[in-house]
Structures are given as C-alpha cells and as structure tokens.
C-alpha cells in the first residue's frame, strides 16, 4: 500500500467516524435557539400608597434561596419575571374582575436581570389591578 493510499484511507475513515457521531453527542443542538444569558437576578420591589402615605419593600433574589428569601411567592415571582426578561410591563394581564376600590398604589422594581440593570414603575388603581397586571411579583 502506498503512502498516498494510506493517507486517503485514513481521511476517509476519519470522515466517516466524524459524520457518524450524532450532533447531540457532540453538544450541538440542532434547531434550538441560542440560550439567553443566564445568571442570578436580584430585584428590589417596592409598593407605595397614594401620595406616599405608606410604603413597603422587599428584596427578591432569583433563583430564590429557600433559607433567606422573604417573598411569600418567591419561586413563582422569579419565574414570572424570567418569562418577560425582568420587565413586568411585558406581562400578560390576567383576566380578573375587580371591584372599583380606588386605593391607588405605585409598584416599582429595580435591580439586575441577566447582567443588565432593570427599572420599572407604574401606578395602579388598586391592588386588584396591580395583581392582574403583575401576577405574583408584587404579592408581598
């Protein structure tokens, strides 16, 4: 067997082996979108009453730390925020019937999501309207 024949045979065998390895085994995900930046998210959530007559705030770290998080629905709030890239304004409004209570309040969020700073604030007619628009994020 000549050197040229040996080289051609090696190249052919190598190409067959490489092509026979499934793409998934090589860590390639065919047809999947590129994953988004992942990392911990940290938020400060604040609610304040009309004319700032009262306020309350809480820290939310995602993923939640079961030993230290204070948000009563921390896991779900993190999932809600992750689904909209940290922007509560992009949440789909839940279909809830609210009685007009007119206890105006302002909800604010600031923090870091996927390595970028996020800020959001909006005034709502009452808690029912707030919860319908922000799911569990401001239920504390």
Protein backbone atom coordinates (compact mmCIF):
# COMPACT_ATOMS: atom_id res chain seq x y z
CA UNK A 1 0.00 0.00 0.00
CA UNK A 2 1.46 3.34 -0.98
CA UNK A 3 1.65 6.33 1.36
CA UNK A 4 -0.94 8.13 -0.73
CA UNK A 5 -3.38 5.21 -0.45
CA UNK A 6 -2.81 5.07 3.30
CA UNK A 7 -3.49 8.81 3.71
CA UNK A 8 -6.66 8.63 1.58
CA UNK A 9 -7.87 5.63 3.61
CA UNK A 10 -7.22 7.44 6.93
CA UNK A 11 -9.01 10.57 5.77
CA UNK A 12 -11.98 8.52 4.57
CA UNK A 13 -12.22 6.57 7.84
CA UNK A 14 -11.91 9.77 9.90
CA UNK A 15 -14.63 11.49 7.88
CA UNK A 16 -16.95 8.50 8.30
CA UNK A 17 -16.39 8.41 12.06
CA UNK A 18 -16.94 12.17 12.44
CA UNK A 19 -20.11 12.07 10.35
CA UNK A 20 -21.40 9.04 12.26
CA UNK A 21 -21.28 10.84 15.63
CA UNK A 22 -24.70 12.33 16.32
CA UNK A 23 -24.76 16.10 16.61
CA UNK A 24 -26.34 15.92 20.07
CA UNK A 25 -23.50 13.75 21.37
CA UNK A 26 -21.11 16.45 20.23
CA UNK A 27 -23.04 19.06 22.21
CA UNK A 28 -24.64 20.70 19.18
CA UNK A 29 -28.35 21.49 19.47
CA UNK A 30 -29.91 21.45 16.05
CA UNK A 31 -32.96 23.66 15.61
CA UNK A 32 -32.72 25.18 19.09
CA UNK A 33 -32.37 28.90 19.64
CA UNK A 34 -29.24 30.22 21.24
CA UNK A 35 -29.76 30.23 25.02
CA UNK A 36 -30.21 33.60 26.69
CA UNK A 37 -27.69 34.90 29.16
CA UNK A 38 -28.29 33.13 32.41
CA UNK A 39 -27.31 34.16 35.86
CA UNK A 40 -28.74 35.27 39.11
CA UNK A 41 -31.25 38.09 39.11
CA UNK A 42 -31.62 40.50 42.03
CA UNK A 43 -34.54 42.85 42.46
CA UNK A 44 -35.83 45.37 44.94
CA UNK A 45 -39.60 45.52 44.81
CA UNK A 46 -41.49 48.43 46.35
CA UNK A 47 -45.13 49.32 46.84
CA UNK A 48 -46.27 52.75 48.00
CA UNK A 49 -49.70 54.17 48.68
CA UNK A 50 -51.27 57.27 47.20
CA UNK A 51 -49.22 60.39 47.97
CA UNK A 52 -46.58 58.13 49.60
CA UNK A 53 -48.69 57.72 52.76
CA UNK A 54 -47.17 54.26 53.26
CA UNK A 55 -44.60 52.02 51.60
CA UNK A 56 -43.15 48.55 51.86
CA UNK A 57 -40.26 46.93 50.06
CA UNK A 58 -38.71 43.52 49.71
CA UNK A 59 -35.63 42.02 48.05
CA UNK A 60 -36.08 39.17 45.60
CA UNK A 61 -33.10 37.08 44.52
CA UNK A 62 -33.55 34.58 41.71
CA UNK A 63 -33.17 31.72 41.88
CA UNK A 64 -34.66 32.02 45.33
CA UNK A 65 -32.65 30.99 48.33
CA UNK A 66 -35.02 28.93 50.45
CA UNK A 67 -33.11 29.83 53.60
CA UNK A 68 -33.13 33.56 53.10
CA UNK A 69 -35.82 34.84 50.75
CA UNK A 70 -38.71 36.75 52.26
CA UNK A 71 -41.04 36.95 49.28
CA UNK A 72 -44.02 34.69 50.04
CA UNK A 73 -44.22 33.57 46.38
CA UNK A 74 -40.50 33.88 45.56
CA UNK A 75 -40.20 30.94 43.16
CA UNK A 76 -43.27 31.94 41.15
CA UNK A 77 -42.30 35.65 41.17
CA UNK A 78 -38.86 34.71 39.79
CA UNK A 79 -40.49 32.58 37.10
CA UNK A 80 -42.89 35.41 36.22
CA UNK A 81 -40.01 37.88 35.85
CA UNK A 82 -37.81 35.43 33.93
CA UNK A 83 -40.61 34.88 31.41
CA UNK A 84 -40.55 38.60 30.48
CA UNK A 85 -36.80 39.22 30.80
CA UNK A 86 -37.24 41.19 34.02
CA UNK A 87 -39.78 43.65 32.60
CA UNK A 88 -43.15 43.49 34.41
CA UNK A 89 -44.61 45.80 31.76
CA UNK A 90 -44.45 42.89 29.30
CA UNK A 91 -46.58 40.56 31.43
CA UNK A 92 -49.90 39.43 30.04
CA UNK A 93 -52.74 40.88 32.03
CA UNK A 94 -54.76 38.24 33.87
CA UNK A 95 -58.50 38.30 33.29
CA UNK A 96 -59.76 39.20 36.77
CA UNK A 97 -62.84 41.14 37.72
CA UNK A 98 -62.02 43.97 40.07
CA UNK A 99 -64.49 45.99 42.06
CA UNK A 100 -63.55 49.67 41.90
CA UNK A 101 -61.77 50.24 45.19
CA UNK A 102 -59.58 53.21 44.25
CA UNK A 103 -56.77 52.65 46.70
CA UNK A 104 -54.13 53.95 44.28
CA UNK A 105 -50.68 52.48 44.70
CA UNK A 106 -47.39 52.58 42.85
CA UNK A 107 -45.34 49.47 42.19
CA UNK A 108 -41.62 49.84 41.44
CA UNK A 109 -38.92 47.36 40.53
CA UNK A 110 -35.18 47.94 40.23
CA UNK A 111 -32.33 45.50 40.01
CA UNK A 112 -30.26 43.33 37.71
CA UNK A 113 -31.62 40.74 35.27
CA UNK A 114 -29.32 38.67 33.03
CA UNK A 115 -26.46 41.08 33.67
CA UNK A 116 -28.32 44.27 32.79
CA UNK A 117 -29.89 46.92 35.00
CA UNK A 118 -33.69 46.99 35.01
CA UNK A 119 -36.07 49.67 36.32
CA UNK A 120 -39.82 49.78 36.12
CA UNK A 121 -42.59 51.75 37.85
CA UNK A 122 -46.33 52.07 37.36
CA UNK A 123 -49.31 53.41 39.32
CA UNK A 124 -52.41 51.22 39.60
CA UNK A 125 -55.98 51.99 40.59
CA UNK A 126 -55.91 49.36 43.37
CA UNK A 127 -54.34 46.05 44.43
CA UNK A 128 -56.66 44.01 42.23
CA UNK A 129 -55.49 45.85 39.10
CA UNK A 130 -51.86 45.50 40.27
CA UNK A 131 -52.11 41.74 40.78
CA UNK A 132 -53.91 41.29 37.48
CA UNK A 133 -51.06 43.05 35.66
CA UNK A 134 -48.04 41.68 37.55
CA UNK A 135 -49.08 38.15 38.62
CA UNK A 136 -47.21 37.20 41.82
CA UNK A 137 -44.34 39.67 41.59
CA UNK A 138 -45.86 42.28 43.94
CA UNK A 139 -47.83 39.90 46.19
CA UNK A 140 -45.91 40.50 49.39
